[in-house]
Amino acid sequence: MKTKLVKHKKLLITLLFVLVIGGCAGVFYYFSVSANTLKTDNARVTAKMYTVTGTSASRLMEWNVSKGDFVVKNEVLGSQETMPSITSPIDGTVVKCDAIAGQPASPTTPLAIIADTDDMYIGVNIEETEIAKVAVGQNVDVTIDAYGGKAFHGKVTEIDSATQTYFSNGLTSFSTSGDYTKVTQLIPIKVVIENPDEMPMLYGMNCEVKIHLH
């Protein structure tokens, strides 16, 4: 009886030892991965967007394109009563179109937005407290919600020199007493991914990214 108890005791001690070692290894792996990667789901499929405006302060005589049309650089999009025709600044796709023939337009009137479809990328917003860890050239794993667990490999190719809200009214927040409320700012970065299977990418698709810091 005593022999069996001793054996059981030894077995329990061995199992406990294995569990402790396994747990320590798991904790070490978790913190090691956490220290070497930066994860966020504040990311979208996007592209550089160009706003087309009027060329003069006069009536829009004609408008030749609609949302979804592909246009080439310098293609005539429309014309006004005065000044040269309105042309496309790039090769791309019209993703927004507000122009209507007959409306007044000026150089400050947005008529359409054209996306550079040859330069689609993942736009990622990184908190300012984490941006020092990010560098151009770092490897990135991207999963796009629309494609489940499929992983895309990419790289950080650009880090913006201003926060997301710097040129908007959202930069700071003051109360009537003059107190300042600090808000953690987001800094946009650009991640270009490999897409060998040519999976369709739609503007605005949600993504999750994991940046390898080392």
Foldseek 3Di string as FASTA:
>chain_A
DVVVVVVVVVVVVVVVVVVVVVVVVVVVVVVVQVVFKDKDQQKWWAFDKDFFFDAAFFFWADAADDAFDWDAAQCFGGQGPDDDGGTDHHGFGWHFADDDHGHTTHRPGGGTMGGPPVGIWMKHWDWPVCCVLDDWFWKKWKDFVVRPPDIWIKTFHFWDPDFPPPPHPPCWDADPVGDTDDDTTITITTIHTDDVVCDDGDGGTTMMMMTRSD
